[in-house]
Structures are given as C-alpha cells and as structure tokens.
Amino acid sequence: MNALNLRVLFSLLSVLALVPEAGAQPVHFKTLVIDQAYARATAPGQEVGVIYMTIENTGKQDQHLLTATAPVARAVTLHSTHMSGGMSSMHRQASFAIPAGSKLELQPSGLHLMLEGLKKPLVEGKQIVVRLRFEPAGEVEVPVPVRSMGAGPGMGSMHH
C-alpha cells in the first residue's frame, strides 16, 4: 500500500472513530418516540445489566413508564442513581414521568432500567428486546442493541 492510500485509510478510520455508535432505529408508539436504546455488555456470571434510552412524549397528555420486562432477565426495574460524598447509590422507582412535550433521558449516572437475574450474559453486537408499559399509552416492544461494557460515561462505584 503506498503512502497516499495509507494516509487516506488512517484519515477515514479517524473520522469513523468520532461517529457515535449506531443504535436501533427509533420506535414510534402513539405519541412516544423511543430512541438511542442500548444495553451494556456483561461478564459471564454477572447477574445484573442495564438499559439506557430516550423517551420523547410528543403528545398533549402526560405519560408514565410503569413497568418493563425482558426475556433475558428475571425482572426489569426502574432505577435512579444519586451521588453523595463521591459515591453513587441506586434507588428503585415506582415509575418514570414523561410530561407532555418533554423528553426523558435514561443515561449512565441517572435514570435507567436495571435487568435483574440475567439468564445469560449480554453480548456486545447482539440485540435484546424490552417490553415497556406506559400509562395511558399501553405496551410496546423495543429492540435494544448491546454495546461494549464501557459504553457511555463511566458509572463509578454502585451501592444498592
């Protein structure tokens, strides 16, 4: 390979490194748009996993995410993360509110879905499905790609 081709190849790889990881296509469900969903890969034997996404409510009525289920886990719970004294702790939430005309962001060090009792490891490059139940919109299935263990900002030390 000559020097010019090598420079072009390195330039292209540099640009691709800056492009965000591709995720699933947005899911449009009634007045909700569920986008940027992803789960982090887990190590063998790890019993918990995490899912992040954004949920936009384009309607005129408030929505509430009440529950979630996934075939890969015994349970899916809604959690928030709080920082105190340099340590983060997670707290289970009964629901997540999505006011009319707003966007809810599930992200590292914030709100998230916790996969509990994983039946098998989450493998980078694979896809899982989560079923979300909203009030009043109803239920919708969302495809969730599995990204690397370190996808997104770091989570820090977690204590339940």
Protein backbone atom coordinates (compact mmCIF):
# COMPACT_ATOMS: atom_id res chain seq x y z
CA MET A 1 0.00 0.00 0.00
CA ASN A 2 1.52 3.36 -0.96
CA ALA A 3 1.83 6.32 1.41
CA LEU A 4 -1.15 8.20 -0.08
CA ASN A 5 -3.51 5.22 0.32
CA LEU A 6 -2.25 4.70 3.87
CA ARG A 7 -2.95 8.37 4.74
CA VAL A 8 -6.46 8.13 3.27
CA LEU A 9 -7.12 4.93 5.23
CA PHE A 10 -5.93 6.49 8.52
CA SER A 11 -7.98 9.64 7.86
CA LEU A 12 -11.10 7.56 7.25
CA LEU A 13 -10.53 5.50 10.39
CA SER A 14 -10.04 8.68 12.42
CA VAL A 15 -13.34 10.10 11.19
CA LEU A 16 -15.17 6.82 11.90
CA ALA A 17 -13.81 6.79 15.45
CA LEU A 18 -15.63 10.08 16.08
CA VAL A 19 -19.01 8.82 14.81
CA PRO A 20 -21.32 7.74 17.66
CA GLU A 21 -22.12 4.04 17.88
CA ALA A 22 -25.13 3.10 15.82
CA GLY A 23 -28.20 2.12 17.76
CA ALA A 24 -31.57 0.72 16.96
CA GLN A 25 -33.95 2.77 14.86
CA PRO A 26 -36.34 5.00 16.83
CA VAL A 27 -39.56 3.28 17.88
CA HIS A 28 -42.64 5.43 17.26
CA PHE A 29 -45.52 4.36 19.52
CA LYS A 30 -48.61 6.55 19.64
CA THR A 31 -47.26 9.93 20.89
CA LEU A 32 -43.97 8.44 22.18
CA VAL A 33 -40.63 8.25 20.37
CA ILE A 34 -38.19 5.80 21.97
CA ASP A 35 -34.68 6.37 20.67
CA GLN A 36 -30.98 5.72 21.37
CA ALA A 37 -31.74 2.50 23.27
CA TYR A 38 -28.78 0.35 24.26
CA ALA A 39 -27.68 -2.12 26.91
CA ARG A 40 -24.15 -2.64 28.18
CA ALA A 41 -22.47 -6.00 27.67
CA THR A 42 -21.99 -8.08 30.81
CA ALA A 43 -19.34 -10.52 32.00
CA PRO A 44 -20.16 -14.23 32.32
CA GLY A 45 -21.82 -14.86 35.67
CA GLN A 46 -22.86 -11.24 36.11
CA GLU A 47 -26.49 -11.23 37.25
CA VAL A 48 -27.42 -7.60 36.52
CA GLY A 49 -27.40 -5.47 33.40
CA VAL A 50 -28.54 -2.00 32.44
CA ILE A 51 -30.54 -0.37 29.63
CA TYR A 52 -30.48 3.30 28.60
CA MET A 53 -32.63 5.22 26.10
CA THR A 54 -34.50 8.44 25.48
CA ILE A 55 -38.29 8.64 25.52
CA GLU A 56 -39.93 11.68 23.97
CA ASN A 57 -43.59 12.47 24.59
CA THR A 58 -44.82 14.47 21.59
CA GLY A 59 -48.43 14.40 22.79
CA LYS A 60 -50.57 16.72 24.88
CA GLN A 61 -51.07 14.17 27.69
CA ASP A 62 -48.53 13.15 30.34
CA GLN A 63 -47.23 9.57 30.11
CA HIS A 64 -45.74 7.35 32.82
CA LEU A 65 -43.41 4.41 32.30
CA LEU A 66 -44.78 1.94 34.84
CA THR A 67 -43.02 -1.36 34.17
CA ALA A 68 -40.62 -3.14 31.87
CA THR A 69 -39.94 -6.80 31.12
CA ALA A 70 -37.31 -8.60 29.08
CA PRO A 71 -36.95 -12.31 28.23
CA VAL A 72 -33.21 -12.16 29.14
CA ALA A 73 -33.89 -11.26 32.80
CA ARG A 74 -35.97 -12.45 35.73
CA ALA A 75 -37.05 -8.84 36.35
CA VAL A 76 -36.57 -5.33 34.97
CA THR A 77 -36.79 -2.50 37.48
CA LEU A 78 -36.76 1.28 37.16
CA HIS A 79 -33.87 2.95 39.00
CA SER A 80 -32.33 6.35 39.64
CA THR A 81 -28.71 6.99 40.60
CA HIS A 82 -27.76 9.64 43.16
CA MET A 83 -24.29 10.95 44.03
CA SER A 84 -23.40 11.68 47.64
CA GLY A 85 -19.92 12.15 49.08
CA GLY A 86 -18.26 10.85 45.92
CA MET A 87 -20.27 7.62 46.00
CA SER A 88 -23.24 6.76 43.84
CA SER A 89 -26.26 4.82 45.04
CA MET A 90 -29.24 3.43 43.18
CA HIS A 91 -32.84 3.73 44.25
CA ARG A 92 -35.78 1.81 42.82
CA GLN A 93 -38.53 3.99 41.33
CA ALA A 94 -42.24 3.18 41.07
CA SER A 95 -42.49 4.92 37.67
CA PHE A 96 -40.87 7.49 35.41
CA ALA A 97 -42.97 10.52 34.39
CA ILE A 98 -42.76 11.84 30.84
CA PRO A 99 -44.70 15.14 30.82
CA ALA A 100 -46.44 16.18 27.60
CA GLY A 101 -44.00 17.80 25.18
CA SER A 102 -40.88 16.67 27.06
CA LYS A 103 -38.09 14.10 26.77
CA LEU A 104 -36.97 11.62 29.43
CA GLU A 105 -33.33 10.54 29.26
CA LEU A 106 -32.25 7.22 30.75
CA GLN A 107 -28.48 7.50 30.94
CA PRO A 108 -25.44 6.44 32.98
CA SER A 109 -25.35 8.05 36.45
CA GLY A 110 -29.05 8.90 36.12
CA LEU A 111 -32.30 7.12 35.44
CA HIS A 112 -32.01 3.63 33.94
CA LEU A 113 -33.63 0.22 33.59
CA MET A 114 -31.94 -2.49 35.67
CA LEU A 115 -32.01 -6.04 34.30
CA GLU A 116 -32.03 -8.35 37.35
CA GLY A 117 -31.39 -12.09 37.32
CA LEU A 118 -29.86 -12.26 33.85
CA LYS A 119 -30.43 -15.68 32.28
CA LYS A 120 -27.31 -15.33 30.10
CA PRO A 121 -24.63 -12.70 29.52
CA LEU A 122 -25.39 -9.68 27.34
CA VAL A 123 -23.01 -9.97 24.40
CA GLU A 124 -21.69 -6.94 22.52
CA GLY A 125 -23.07 -6.82 18.97
CA LYS A 126 -26.21 -8.80 19.85
CA GLN A 127 -29.71 -7.41 20.41
CA ILE A 128 -32.26 -7.95 23.17
CA VAL A 129 -35.89 -6.86 23.46
CA VAL A 130 -37.54 -4.95 26.29
CA ARG A 131 -41.30 -4.51 26.67
CA LEU A 132 -42.28 -1.14 28.17
CA ARG A 133 -45.68 -0.46 29.73
CA PHE A 134 -46.84 3.14 29.73
CA GLU A 135 -49.93 4.71 31.27
CA PRO A 136 -52.04 5.63 29.40
CA ALA A 137 -50.34 4.65 26.08
CA GLY A 138 -50.05 0.89 26.71
CA GLU A 139 -47.27 -1.60 25.91
CA VAL A 140 -44.60 -1.56 23.25
CA GLU A 141 -41.59 -3.78 22.44
CA VAL A 142 -38.29 -2.03 21.86
CA PRO A 143 -35.22 -3.64 20.24
CA VAL A 144 -32.10 -2.87 22.28
CA PRO A 145 -28.61 -3.35 20.81
CA VAL A 146 -25.91 -4.50 23.22
CA ARG A 147 -22.82 -2.27 23.23
CA SER A 148 -19.46 -2.65 24.96
CA MET A 149 -19.21 -2.87 28.75
CA GLY A 150 -17.83 0.67 28.87
CA ALA A 151 -20.37 2.26 26.51
CA GLY A 152 -21.30 5.79 27.59
CA PRO A 153 -19.88 7.69 30.55
CA GLY A 154 -18.44 5.71 33.48
CA MET A 155 -20.81 4.54 36.20
CA GLY A 156 -18.47 4.80 39.22
CA SER A 157 -18.96 2.69 42.32
CA MET A 158 -22.51 1.44 42.69
CA HIS A 159 -24.17 0.59 46.00
CA HIS A 160 -27.78 -0.53 46.38
